[in-house]
Amino acid sequence: MNGNRATTWVEGTSTDLVADALALGVKASPRMVTSWVEDGMLANPEPRKTSAYGSAPRIFPPEQRELFTRLLEARERSPLGRIPQRSLIRIVLYLWLIDDTIVLTPQARRAWRTHARATGQTTAVRRSQNVRAIVEQLAHPSATLKQRRAAQLVLEDGERTGRIDIDRLTAVLTELYSPWPVQPGMPRIERGCVLGSGVRAPT
């Protein structure tokens, strides 16, 4: 997620994230940052040791500060104007699938709920279309029809009900993304590889 710029990211408070947004020409506020945390767009900020003057502001790790900026940049680049937040949620979920050191499971859990709530407001036909598109985006070319269908059913249920069974979801998406049987004595390959461009994607 480093992009093409040699930026060294450091941890920061919500105030720092707001300043990052303003530097991009994007209106932002601490409330916006809090909203992104609630929706799973960002992870919960981490507490710091209490100082002599009281509790210090919570901080976001460098990866989350960069994620915030990259998502804002993606939103601003859209030729359609500002793209819906549910579209940005898909980026967060994709990152979780390929590199869970950036987006951790607690954040992904909130993101899936936000995604399910948003898509659950649409018609059954549209929800089914959304799910099929997500499955095809995430599926490895070697994934079987059975594996694709299993993932589709779990996603459709989550989008219909607005509730996500994160353990079941993780299992079916792992099968979809890494469809190879586990060899004796070998760990399962569950994540993507780093391409020469610096962008992570399925192998």
N, C-alpha and C. Protein backbone atom coordinates (compact mmCIF):
# COMPACT_ATOMS: atom_id res chain seq x y z
N MET A 1 0.82 -1.20 0.00
CA MET A 1 0.00 0.00 0.00
C MET A 1 0.86 1.25 0.00
N ASN A 2 2.08 1.13 -0.40
CA ASN A 2 3.00 2.27 -0.35
C ASN A 2 2.87 3.21 -1.53
N GLY A 3 2.21 2.77 -2.60
CA GLY A 3 2.05 3.63 -3.75
C GLY A 3 3.38 3.96 -4.39
N ASN A 4 3.44 5.10 -5.06
CA ASN A 4 4.66 5.49 -5.76
C ASN A 4 5.45 6.57 -5.03
N ARG A 5 4.89 7.02 -3.90
CA ARG A 5 5.57 8.10 -3.20
C ARG A 5 6.39 7.55 -2.05
N ALA A 6 7.56 8.15 -1.85
CA ALA A 6 8.45 7.69 -0.79
C ALA A 6 8.10 8.38 0.52
N THR A 7 6.86 8.25 0.95
CA THR A 7 6.40 8.86 2.18
C THR A 7 6.68 7.93 3.35
N THR A 8 7.26 8.47 4.40
CA THR A 8 7.46 7.70 5.61
C THR A 8 6.32 8.01 6.56
N TRP A 9 5.46 7.04 6.77
CA TRP A 9 4.28 7.26 7.59
C TRP A 9 4.60 6.99 9.05
N VAL A 10 4.06 7.83 9.90
CA VAL A 10 4.24 7.66 11.34
C VAL A 10 2.87 7.64 11.99
N GLU A 11 2.81 7.19 13.21
CA GLU A 11 1.54 7.16 13.93
C GLU A 11 0.99 8.57 14.09
N GLY A 12 -0.32 8.66 14.32
CA GLY A 12 -0.91 9.99 14.46
C GLY A 12 -2.25 9.93 15.17
N THR A 13 -2.64 11.04 15.73
CA THR A 13 -3.94 11.17 16.39
C THR A 13 -5.01 11.50 15.36
N SER A 14 -6.24 11.56 15.81
CA SER A 14 -7.32 11.96 14.90
C SER A 14 -7.10 13.37 14.38
N THR A 15 -6.49 14.21 15.19
CA THR A 15 -6.17 15.58 14.75
C THR A 15 -5.17 15.53 13.59
N ASP A 16 -4.20 14.63 13.67
CA ASP A 16 -3.23 14.48 12.59
C ASP A 16 -3.91 13.99 11.31
N LEU A 17 -4.86 13.07 11.45
CA LEU A 17 -5.57 12.57 10.27
C LEU A 17 -6.40 13.68 9.62
N VAL A 18 -7.02 14.50 10.44
CA VAL A 18 -7.78 15.63 9.90
C VAL A 18 -6.85 16.57 9.14
N ALA A 19 -5.67 16.80 9.69
CA ALA A 19 -4.69 17.66 9.02
C ALA A 19 -4.25 17.04 7.69
N ASP A 20 -4.09 15.71 7.67
CA ASP A 20 -3.73 15.02 6.43
C ASP A 20 -4.80 15.24 5.36
N ALA A 21 -6.05 15.15 5.78
CA ALA A 21 -7.16 15.34 4.84
C ALA A 21 -7.18 16.77 4.31
N LEU A 22 -7.01 17.73 5.20
CA LEU A 22 -7.02 19.13 4.79
C LEU A 22 -5.87 19.42 3.83
N ALA A 23 -4.74 18.75 4.02
CA ALA A 23 -3.60 18.94 3.12
C ALA A 23 -3.93 18.45 1.71
N LEU A 24 -4.88 17.51 1.61
CA LEU A 24 -5.33 17.02 0.30
C LEU A 24 -6.44 17.89 -0.28
N GLY A 25 -6.87 18.87 0.50
CA GLY A 25 -7.98 19.71 0.05
C GLY A 25 -9.33 19.10 0.34
N VAL A 26 -9.37 18.17 1.28
CA VAL A 26 -10.61 17.46 1.63
C VAL A 26 -11.09 17.96 3.00
N LYS A 27 -12.35 18.32 3.08
CA LYS A 27 -12.91 18.74 4.35
C LYS A 27 -12.99 17.53 5.28
N ALA A 28 -12.58 17.70 6.51
CA ALA A 28 -12.60 16.61 7.47
C ALA A 28 -12.74 17.18 8.87
N SER A 29 -13.10 16.32 9.81
CA SER A 29 -13.26 16.71 11.20
C SER A 29 -13.01 15.49 12.07
N PRO A 30 -12.76 15.71 13.37
CA PRO A 30 -12.60 14.55 14.26
C PRO A 30 -13.82 13.65 14.23
N ARG A 31 -15.00 14.21 14.06
CA ARG A 31 -16.21 13.39 13.99
C ARG A 31 -16.18 12.48 12.76
N MET A 32 -15.66 12.96 11.67
CA MET A 32 -15.53 12.14 10.46
C MET A 32 -14.62 10.95 10.73
N VAL A 33 -13.50 11.20 11.40
CA VAL A 33 -12.58 10.12 11.72
C VAL A 33 -13.26 9.09 12.62
N THR A 34 -14.00 9.56 13.61
CA THR A 34 -14.74 8.65 14.50
C THR A 34 -15.75 7.82 13.72
N SER A 35 -16.43 8.46 12.77
CA SER A 35 -17.41 7.75 11.95
C SER A 35 -16.75 6.66 11.13
N TRP A 36 -15.56 6.95 10.59
CA TRP A 36 -14.84 5.96 9.80
C TRP A 36 -14.44 4.77 10.68
N VAL A 37 -14.08 5.03 11.92
CA VAL A 37 -13.75 3.94 12.84
C VAL A 37 -14.99 3.09 13.10
N GLU A 38 -16.11 3.73 13.36
CA GLU A 38 -17.34 3.00 13.64
C GLU A 38 -17.77 2.13 12.47
N ASP A 39 -17.52 2.59 11.24
CA ASP A 39 -17.94 1.86 10.05
C ASP A 39 -16.91 0.82 9.59
N GLY A 40 -15.75 0.78 10.24
CA GLY A 40 -14.73 -0.17 9.83
C GLY A 40 -13.80 0.34 8.76
N MET A 41 -13.92 1.60 8.42
CA MET A 41 -13.00 2.19 7.45
C MET A 41 -11.60 2.35 8.06
N LEU A 42 -11.57 2.54 9.36
CA LEU A 42 -10.32 2.64 10.12
C LEU A 42 -10.40 1.74 11.34
N ALA A 43 -9.25 1.34 11.83
CA ALA A 43 -9.20 0.56 13.06
C ALA A 43 -9.39 1.48 14.26
N ASN A 44 -9.67 0.89 15.40
CA ASN A 44 -9.74 1.69 16.62
C ASN A 44 -8.36 2.27 16.93
N PRO A 45 -8.29 3.54 17.29
CA PRO A 45 -6.99 4.09 17.68
C PRO A 45 -6.52 3.43 18.98
N GLU A 46 -5.22 3.38 19.14
CA GLU A 46 -4.64 2.67 20.27
C GLU A 46 -4.35 3.63 21.43
N PRO A 47 -4.59 3.19 22.65
CA PRO A 47 -4.30 4.06 23.80
C PRO A 47 -2.81 4.22 24.01
N ARG A 48 -2.43 5.34 24.57
CA ARG A 48 -1.04 5.58 24.94
C ARG A 48 -0.93 5.66 26.46
N LYS A 49 0.28 5.56 26.96
CA LYS A 49 0.47 5.66 28.40
C LYS A 49 0.00 7.03 28.90
N THR A 50 -0.56 7.03 30.08
CA THR A 50 -1.02 8.28 30.68
C THR A 50 0.18 9.16 31.00
N SER A 51 0.09 10.40 30.59
CA SER A 51 1.18 11.34 30.85
C SER A 51 0.97 12.03 32.19
N ALA A 52 1.90 12.87 32.55
CA ALA A 52 1.78 13.62 33.81
C ALA A 52 0.62 14.59 33.78
N TYR A 53 0.13 14.87 32.58
CA TYR A 53 -0.95 15.84 32.44
C TYR A 53 -2.29 15.17 32.12
N GLY A 54 -2.35 13.87 32.32
CA GLY A 54 -3.59 13.16 32.03
C GLY A 54 -3.42 12.20 30.86
N SER A 55 -4.51 11.62 30.43
CA SER A 55 -4.47 10.65 29.34
C SER A 55 -4.12 11.34 28.03
N ALA A 56 -3.16 10.78 27.31
CA ALA A 56 -2.77 11.33 26.01
C ALA A 56 -3.77 10.86 24.96
N PRO A 57 -3.96 11.64 23.88
CA PRO A 57 -4.89 11.23 22.82
C PRO A 57 -4.50 9.87 22.23
N ARG A 58 -5.50 9.09 21.88
CA ARG A 58 -5.23 7.80 21.26
C ARG A 58 -4.60 8.00 19.88
N ILE A 59 -3.87 7.01 19.43
CA ILE A 59 -3.14 7.16 18.17
C ILE A 59 -3.49 6.04 17.20
N PHE A 60 -3.41 6.36 15.92
CA PHE A 60 -3.55 5.39 14.85
C PHE A 60 -2.15 4.97 14.41
N PRO A 61 -1.93 3.67 14.17
CA PRO A 61 -0.60 3.24 13.69
C PRO A 61 -0.33 3.79 12.30
N PRO A 62 0.92 3.78 11.86
CA PRO A 62 1.26 4.35 10.55
C PRO A 62 0.45 3.77 9.40
N GLU A 63 0.18 2.44 9.43
CA GLU A 63 -0.55 1.80 8.34
C GLU A 63 -1.97 2.35 8.21
N GLN A 64 -2.59 2.66 9.36
CA GLN A 64 -3.94 3.18 9.33
C GLN A 64 -3.97 4.65 8.89
N ARG A 65 -2.95 5.37 9.26
CA ARG A 65 -2.87 6.77 8.82
C ARG A 65 -2.71 6.83 7.30
N GLU A 66 -1.88 5.92 6.77
CA GLU A 66 -1.72 5.86 5.32
C GLU A 66 -3.02 5.40 4.65
N LEU A 67 -3.68 4.41 5.24
CA LEU A 67 -4.94 3.91 4.69
C LEU A 67 -5.96 5.04 4.57
N PHE A 68 -6.06 5.86 5.61
CA PHE A 68 -6.98 6.99 5.59
C PHE A 68 -6.70 7.91 4.41
N THR A 69 -5.44 8.24 4.21
CA THR A 69 -5.07 9.12 3.10
C THR A 69 -5.34 8.48 1.75
N ARG A 70 -4.99 7.19 1.60
CA ARG A 70 -5.17 6.52 0.32
C ARG A 70 -6.66 6.41 -0.04
N LEU A 71 -7.50 6.16 0.95
CA LEU A 71 -8.93 6.07 0.68
C LEU A 71 -9.49 7.43 0.26
N LEU A 72 -9.03 8.48 0.92
CA LEU A 72 -9.47 9.82 0.52
C LEU A 72 -9.00 10.14 -0.90
N GLU A 73 -7.78 9.77 -1.23
CA GLU A 73 -7.26 10.02 -2.57
C GLU A 73 -8.08 9.25 -3.61
N ALA A 74 -8.43 8.00 -3.30
CA ALA A 74 -9.23 7.20 -4.23
C ALA A 74 -10.60 7.82 -4.43
N ARG A 75 -11.18 8.32 -3.35
CA ARG A 75 -12.50 8.95 -3.45
C ARG A 75 -12.44 10.23 -4.29
N GLU A 76 -11.40 11.00 -4.11
CA GLU A 76 -11.30 12.26 -4.84
C GLU A 76 -10.95 12.06 -6.31
N ARG A 77 -10.31 10.92 -6.65
CA ARG A 77 -9.95 10.65 -8.04
C ARG A 77 -11.12 10.19 -8.89
N SER A 78 -12.19 9.80 -8.27
CA SER A 78 -13.31 9.23 -9.01
C SER A 78 -13.84 10.21 -10.05
N PRO A 79 -13.99 9.78 -11.32
CA PRO A 79 -14.54 10.66 -12.36
C PRO A 79 -16.02 10.96 -12.15
N LEU A 80 -16.65 10.21 -11.27
CA LEU A 80 -18.08 10.39 -10.99
C LEU A 80 -18.32 11.32 -9.82
N GLY A 81 -17.27 12.02 -9.39
CA GLY A 81 -17.40 12.79 -8.19
C GLY A 81 -17.04 11.90 -7.02
N ARG A 82 -17.45 12.24 -5.86
CA ARG A 82 -17.11 11.44 -4.69
C ARG A 82 -17.85 10.10 -4.74
N ILE A 83 -17.10 9.02 -4.73
CA ILE A 83 -17.71 7.71 -4.81
C ILE A 83 -18.35 7.36 -3.47
N PRO A 84 -19.39 6.52 -3.48
CA PRO A 84 -20.06 6.17 -2.23
C PRO A 84 -19.12 5.50 -1.25
N GLN A 85 -19.37 5.70 0.02
CA GLN A 85 -18.51 5.12 1.04
C GLN A 85 -18.54 3.60 0.98
N ARG A 86 -19.68 3.01 0.56
CA ARG A 86 -19.73 1.54 0.48
C ARG A 86 -18.73 1.00 -0.53
N SER A 87 -18.37 1.82 -1.53
CA SER A 87 -17.34 1.39 -2.48
C SER A 87 -15.97 1.39 -1.82
N LEU A 88 -15.72 2.36 -0.94
CA LEU A 88 -14.46 2.40 -0.22
C LEU A 88 -14.37 1.24 0.77
N ILE A 89 -15.51 0.84 1.31
CA ILE A 89 -15.54 -0.31 2.23
C ILE A 89 -14.99 -1.55 1.54
N ARG A 90 -15.28 -1.70 0.26
CA ARG A 90 -14.79 -2.88 -0.47
C ARG A 90 -13.27 -2.89 -0.54
N ILE A 91 -12.66 -1.70 -0.63
CA ILE A 91 -11.20 -1.62 -0.64
C ILE A 91 -10.65 -2.12 0.69
N VAL A 92 -11.27 -1.70 1.78
CA VAL A 92 -10.84 -2.12 3.11
C VAL A 92 -10.94 -3.64 3.25
N LEU A 93 -12.04 -4.20 2.78
CA LEU A 93 -12.24 -5.64 2.89
C LEU A 93 -11.25 -6.40 2.01
N TYR A 94 -10.96 -5.86 0.85
CA TYR A 94 -9.97 -6.50 -0.02
C TYR A 94 -8.60 -6.52 0.64
N LEU A 95 -8.24 -5.40 1.28
CA LEU A 95 -6.96 -5.35 1.98
C LEU A 95 -6.90 -6.38 3.10
N TRP A 96 -8.01 -6.56 3.80
CA TRP A 96 -8.06 -7.55 4.87
C TRP A 96 -7.79 -8.95 4.32
N LEU A 97 -8.35 -9.23 3.15
CA LEU A 97 -8.18 -10.56 2.57
C LEU A 97 -6.74 -10.83 2.17
N ILE A 98 -6.05 -9.81 1.68
CA ILE A 98 -4.71 -10.06 1.15
C ILE A 98 -3.59 -9.68 2.11
N ASP A 99 -3.89 -8.90 3.14
CA ASP A 99 -2.83 -8.52 4.07
C ASP A 99 -3.46 -8.08 5.38
N ASP A 100 -3.66 -9.05 6.29
CA ASP A 100 -4.33 -8.72 7.54
C ASP A 100 -3.40 -8.10 8.57
N THR A 101 -2.23 -7.63 8.14
CA THR A 101 -1.41 -6.81 9.02
C THR A 101 -1.77 -5.34 8.88
N ILE A 102 -2.48 -4.99 7.81
CA ILE A 102 -2.93 -3.61 7.61
C ILE A 102 -4.33 -3.45 8.18
N VAL A 103 -5.25 -4.27 7.72
CA VAL A 103 -6.62 -4.27 8.22
C VAL A 103 -6.79 -5.53 9.07
N LEU A 104 -6.91 -5.34 10.37
CA LEU A 104 -7.06 -6.47 11.28
C LEU A 104 -8.52 -6.93 11.30
N THR A 105 -8.73 -8.15 11.79
CA THR A 105 -10.06 -8.75 11.76
C THR A 105 -11.12 -7.94 12.51
N PRO A 106 -10.85 -7.35 13.68
CA PRO A 106 -11.88 -6.54 14.33
C PRO A 106 -12.37 -5.38 13.45
N GLN A 107 -11.44 -4.76 12.73
CA GLN A 107 -11.84 -3.69 11.80
C GLN A 107 -12.64 -4.27 10.66
N ALA A 108 -12.19 -5.40 10.10
CA ALA A 108 -12.91 -6.03 8.99
C ALA A 108 -14.31 -6.44 9.41
N ARG A 109 -14.47 -6.87 10.65
CA ARG A 109 -15.79 -7.26 11.13
C ARG A 109 -16.77 -6.09 11.05
N ARG A 110 -16.31 -4.91 11.49
CA ARG A 110 -17.16 -3.73 11.41
C ARG A 110 -17.42 -3.34 9.96
N ALA A 111 -16.39 -3.47 9.12
CA ALA A 111 -16.55 -3.13 7.70
C ALA A 111 -17.57 -4.03 7.02
N TRP A 112 -17.53 -5.32 7.33
CA TRP A 112 -18.51 -6.24 6.73
C TRP A 112 -19.93 -5.87 7.16
N ARG A 113 -20.10 -5.49 8.42
CA ARG A 113 -21.44 -5.10 8.89
C ARG A 113 -21.92 -3.85 8.16
N THR A 114 -21.02 -2.90 7.98
CA THR A 114 -21.39 -1.68 7.25
C THR A 114 -21.77 -2.02 5.82
N HIS A 115 -20.97 -2.87 5.19
CA HIS A 115 -21.24 -3.28 3.81
C HIS A 115 -22.58 -4.00 3.72
N ALA A 116 -22.84 -4.89 4.68
CA ALA A 116 -24.09 -5.66 4.66
C ALA A 116 -25.30 -4.75 4.87
N ARG A 117 -25.17 -3.78 5.76
CA ARG A 117 -26.29 -2.86 5.98
C ARG A 117 -26.59 -2.05 4.72
N ALA A 118 -25.53 -1.59 4.06
CA ALA A 118 -25.72 -0.76 2.87
C ALA A 118 -26.36 -1.55 1.73
N THR A 119 -25.86 -2.75 1.48
CA THR A 119 -26.40 -3.54 0.38
C THR A 119 -27.74 -4.15 0.73
N GLY A 120 -27.99 -4.35 2.03
CA GLY A 120 -29.26 -4.92 2.44
C GLY A 120 -30.44 -4.01 2.16
N GLN A 121 -30.18 -2.75 1.88
CA GLN A 121 -31.25 -1.81 1.58
C GLN A 121 -31.69 -1.88 0.12
N THR A 122 -30.98 -2.66 -0.68
CA THR A 122 -31.31 -2.77 -2.10
C THR A 122 -32.20 -3.97 -2.33
N THR A 123 -32.61 -4.17 -3.56
CA THR A 123 -33.47 -5.30 -3.89
C THR A 123 -32.69 -6.61 -3.85
N ALA A 124 -33.44 -7.71 -3.78
CA ALA A 124 -32.80 -9.03 -3.75
C ALA A 124 -31.98 -9.26 -5.02
N VAL A 125 -32.50 -8.82 -6.16
CA VAL A 125 -31.78 -9.00 -7.42
C VAL A 125 -30.47 -8.23 -7.39
N ARG A 126 -30.52 -6.99 -6.92
CA ARG A 126 -29.31 -6.17 -6.88
C ARG A 126 -28.30 -6.75 -5.89
N ARG A 127 -28.79 -7.25 -4.74
CA ARG A 127 -27.89 -7.86 -3.77
C ARG A 127 -27.18 -9.06 -4.38
N SER A 128 -27.93 -9.87 -5.12
CA SER A 128 -27.34 -11.05 -5.75
C SER A 128 -26.28 -10.64 -6.77
N GLN A 129 -26.55 -9.59 -7.52
CA GLN A 129 -25.59 -9.10 -8.50
C GLN A 129 -24.33 -8.59 -7.80
N ASN A 130 -24.51 -7.87 -6.70
CA ASN A 130 -23.37 -7.36 -5.94
C ASN A 130 -22.49 -8.50 -5.44
N VAL A 131 -23.15 -9.52 -4.91
CA VAL A 131 -22.41 -10.65 -4.35
C VAL A 131 -21.64 -11.39 -5.44
N ARG A 132 -22.27 -11.64 -6.56
CA ARG A 132 -21.58 -12.34 -7.64
C ARG A 132 -20.35 -11.55 -8.10
N ALA A 133 -20.49 -10.22 -8.16
CA ALA A 133 -19.37 -9.39 -8.58
C ALA A 133 -18.23 -9.48 -7.57
N ILE A 134 -18.56 -9.46 -6.27
CA ILE A 134 -17.54 -9.56 -5.23
C ILE A 134 -16.84 -10.90 -5.30
N VAL A 135 -17.61 -11.97 -5.46
CA VAL A 135 -17.04 -13.31 -5.52
C VAL A 135 -16.07 -13.42 -6.69
N GLU A 136 -16.46 -12.91 -7.84
CA GLU A 136 -15.60 -13.01 -9.01
C GLU A 136 -14.35 -12.16 -8.87
N GLN A 137 -14.45 -11.05 -8.16
CA GLN A 137 -13.28 -10.20 -7.93
C GLN A 137 -12.27 -10.90 -7.02
N LEU A 138 -12.78 -11.67 -6.06
CA LEU A 138 -11.91 -12.27 -5.06
C LEU A 138 -11.46 -13.68 -5.41
N ALA A 139 -12.20 -14.35 -6.28
CA ALA A 139 -11.93 -15.76 -6.55
C ALA A 139 -10.63 -15.97 -7.31
N HIS A 140 -9.84 -16.94 -6.86
CA HIS A 140 -8.69 -17.36 -7.63
C HIS A 140 -9.19 -18.10 -8.86
N PRO A 141 -8.50 -18.01 -10.00
CA PRO A 141 -8.96 -18.71 -11.21
C PRO A 141 -9.17 -20.21 -11.00
N SER A 142 -8.47 -20.80 -10.04
CA SER A 142 -8.60 -22.23 -9.79
C SER A 142 -9.76 -22.57 -8.85
N ALA A 143 -10.43 -21.57 -8.31
CA ALA A 143 -11.55 -21.83 -7.41
C ALA A 143 -12.66 -22.56 -8.15
N THR A 144 -13.23 -23.57 -7.49
CA THR A 144 -14.28 -24.37 -8.11
C THR A 144 -15.63 -23.68 -8.01
N LEU A 145 -16.59 -24.17 -8.79
CA LEU A 145 -17.95 -23.64 -8.71
C LEU A 145 -18.52 -23.83 -7.31
N LYS A 146 -18.20 -24.95 -6.67
CA LYS A 146 -18.69 -25.20 -5.31
C LYS A 146 -18.14 -24.17 -4.34
N GLN A 147 -16.85 -23.85 -4.46
CA GLN A 147 -16.24 -22.86 -3.58
C GLN A 147 -16.82 -21.47 -3.83
N ARG A 148 -17.05 -21.14 -5.09
CA ARG A 148 -17.65 -19.85 -5.42
C ARG A 148 -19.07 -19.75 -4.89
N ARG A 149 -19.82 -20.85 -5.03
CA ARG A 149 -21.21 -20.85 -4.56
C ARG A 149 -21.28 -20.74 -3.04
N ALA A 150 -20.36 -21.43 -2.34
CA ALA A 150 -20.35 -21.36 -0.88
C ALA A 150 -20.11 -19.93 -0.41
N ALA A 151 -19.17 -19.25 -1.05
CA ALA A 151 -18.89 -17.86 -0.69
C ALA A 151 -20.08 -16.97 -1.01
N GLN A 152 -20.71 -17.23 -2.14
CA GLN A 152 -21.86 -16.42 -2.55
C GLN A 152 -23.00 -16.55 -1.55
N LEU A 153 -23.26 -17.77 -1.07
CA LEU A 153 -24.37 -17.99 -0.14
C LEU A 153 -24.12 -17.27 1.19
N VAL A 154 -22.88 -17.32 1.67
CA VAL A 154 -22.57 -16.64 2.94
C VAL A 154 -22.71 -15.13 2.78
N LEU A 155 -22.20 -14.61 1.68
CA LEU A 155 -22.29 -13.16 1.45
C LEU A 155 -23.74 -12.72 1.25
N GLU A 156 -24.51 -13.50 0.51
CA GLU A 156 -25.91 -13.15 0.30
C GLU A 156 -26.68 -13.14 1.62
N ASP A 157 -26.39 -14.11 2.47
CA ASP A 157 -27.06 -14.16 3.77
C ASP A 157 -26.71 -12.94 4.61
N GLY A 158 -25.43 -12.56 4.58
CA GLY A 158 -25.01 -11.40 5.34
C GLY A 158 -25.62 -10.11 4.81
N GLU A 159 -25.70 -9.98 3.50
CA GLU A 159 -26.28 -8.77 2.91
C GLU A 159 -27.78 -8.72 3.13
N ARG A 160 -28.42 -9.88 3.17
CA ARG A 160 -29.88 -9.91 3.37
C ARG A 160 -30.25 -9.59 4.81
N THR A 161 -29.49 -10.13 5.76
CA THR A 161 -29.83 -9.99 7.17
C THR A 161 -29.11 -8.85 7.87
N GLY A 162 -27.99 -8.40 7.28
CA GLY A 162 -27.19 -7.38 7.95
C GLY A 162 -26.34 -7.93 9.07
N ARG A 163 -26.26 -9.26 9.19
CA ARG A 163 -25.44 -9.90 10.22
C ARG A 163 -24.37 -10.74 9.53
N ILE A 164 -23.16 -10.68 10.07
CA ILE A 164 -22.04 -11.39 9.47
C ILE A 164 -21.48 -12.42 10.46
N ASP A 165 -21.41 -13.67 10.04
CA ASP A 165 -20.72 -14.71 10.79
C ASP A 165 -19.27 -14.67 10.33
N ILE A 166 -18.43 -13.95 11.08
CA ILE A 166 -17.07 -13.66 10.61
C ILE A 166 -16.24 -14.93 10.47
N ASP A 167 -16.43 -15.92 11.35
CA ASP A 167 -15.64 -17.15 11.26
C ASP A 167 -16.00 -17.94 10.00
N ARG A 168 -17.29 -18.06 9.74
CA ARG A 168 -17.73 -18.78 8.54
C ARG A 168 -17.31 -18.02 7.28
N LEU A 169 -17.45 -16.70 7.34
CA LEU A 169 -17.07 -15.88 6.20
C LEU A 169 -15.58 -16.03 5.90
N THR A 170 -14.76 -15.97 6.94
CA THR A 170 -13.32 -16.11 6.75
C THR A 170 -12.98 -17.45 6.12
N ALA A 171 -13.67 -18.50 6.57
CA ALA A 171 -13.39 -19.85 6.06
C ALA A 171 -13.72 -19.96 4.58
N VAL A 172 -14.90 -19.48 4.17
CA VAL A 172 -15.28 -19.65 2.76
C VAL A 172 -14.47 -18.74 1.85
N LEU A 173 -14.11 -17.56 2.34
CA LEU A 173 -13.31 -16.66 1.51
C LEU A 173 -11.87 -17.15 1.39
N THR A 174 -11.37 -17.80 2.44
CA THR A 174 -10.05 -18.41 2.35
C THR A 174 -10.04 -19.51 1.30
N GLU A 175 -11.10 -20.33 1.28
CA GLU A 175 -11.22 -21.37 0.26
C GLU A 175 -11.33 -20.75 -1.14
N LEU A 176 -12.03 -19.65 -1.24
CA LEU A 176 -12.22 -19.00 -2.52
C LEU A 176 -10.92 -18.39 -3.03
N TYR A 177 -10.17 -17.78 -2.12
CA TYR A 177 -8.96 -17.05 -2.47
C TYR A 177 -7.76 -17.97 -2.62
N SER A 178 -7.76 -19.06 -1.83
CA SER A 178 -6.66 -20.04 -1.86
C SER A 178 -7.26 -21.43 -1.97
N PRO A 179 -7.67 -21.83 -3.17
CA PRO A 179 -8.47 -23.05 -3.33
C PRO A 179 -7.69 -24.36 -3.33
N TRP A 180 -6.39 -24.31 -3.05
CA TRP A 180 -5.59 -25.53 -3.16
C TRP A 180 -5.69 -26.34 -1.88
N PRO A 181 -5.72 -27.65 -1.99
CA PRO A 181 -5.74 -28.49 -0.78
C PRO A 181 -4.44 -28.36 0.00
N VAL A 182 -4.53 -28.48 1.30
CA VAL A 182 -3.35 -28.38 2.15
C VAL A 182 -2.54 -29.66 2.04
N GLN A 183 -1.25 -29.51 1.80
CA GLN A 183 -0.35 -30.65 1.72
C GLN A 183 0.15 -31.02 3.11
N PRO A 184 0.34 -32.31 3.39
CA PRO A 184 0.82 -32.73 4.71
C PRO A 184 2.11 -32.02 5.08
N GLY A 185 2.13 -31.46 6.28
CA GLY A 185 3.33 -30.80 6.77
C GLY A 185 3.56 -29.41 6.22
N MET A 186 2.64 -28.91 5.38
CA MET A 186 2.80 -27.58 4.77
C MET A 186 1.69 -26.67 5.26
N PRO A 187 2.02 -25.41 5.56
CA PRO A 187 0.97 -24.47 5.97
C PRO A 187 0.09 -24.10 4.77
N ARG A 188 -1.14 -23.73 5.06
CA ARG A 188 -2.03 -23.32 4.00
C ARG A 188 -1.65 -21.93 3.49
N ILE A 189 -1.64 -21.75 2.18
CA ILE A 189 -1.38 -20.44 1.59
C ILE A 189 -2.69 -19.67 1.58
N GLU A 190 -2.74 -18.56 2.34
CA GLU A 190 -4.01 -17.86 2.51
C GLU A 190 -4.01 -16.44 1.97
N ARG A 191 -2.85 -15.91 1.68
CA ARG A 191 -2.81 -14.50 1.28
C ARG A 191 -2.16 -14.34 -0.07
N GLY A 192 -2.23 -13.11 -0.61
CA GLY A 192 -1.64 -12.84 -1.91
C GLY A 192 -0.15 -12.60 -1.80
N CYS A 193 0.45 -12.34 -2.93
CA CYS A 193 1.89 -12.06 -2.97
C CYS A 193 2.08 -10.61 -3.38
N VAL A 194 3.29 -10.13 -3.15
CA VAL A 194 3.62 -8.75 -3.52
C VAL A 194 4.09 -8.73 -4.96
N LEU A 195 3.41 -7.96 -5.78
CA LEU A 195 3.79 -7.85 -7.18
C LEU A 195 4.87 -6.79 -7.34
N GLY A 196 5.48 -6.77 -8.50
CA GLY A 196 6.56 -5.82 -8.73
C GLY A 196 6.12 -4.38 -8.64
N SER A 197 4.84 -4.11 -8.87
CA SER A 197 4.34 -2.74 -8.82
C SER A 197 4.17 -2.24 -7.39
N GLY A 198 4.30 -3.16 -6.41
CA GLY A 198 4.10 -2.76 -5.03
C GLY A 198 2.66 -2.90 -4.60
N VAL A 199 1.78 -3.35 -5.50
CA VAL A 199 0.37 -3.52 -5.17
C VAL A 199 0.12 -4.98 -4.90
N ARG A 200 -0.61 -5.27 -3.85
CA ARG A 200 -0.89 -6.65 -3.53
C ARG A 200 -2.12 -7.12 -4.29
N ALA A 201 -2.05 -8.34 -4.76
CA ALA A 201 -3.16 -8.90 -5.52
C ALA A 201 -3.09 -10.41 -5.43
N PRO A 202 -4.17 -11.11 -5.79
CA PRO A 202 -4.14 -12.55 -5.74
C PRO A 202 -3.10 -13.12 -6.69
N THR A 203 -2.50 -14.23 -6.29
CA THR A 203 -1.56 -14.90 -7.17
C THR A 203 -2.30 -15.66 -8.24
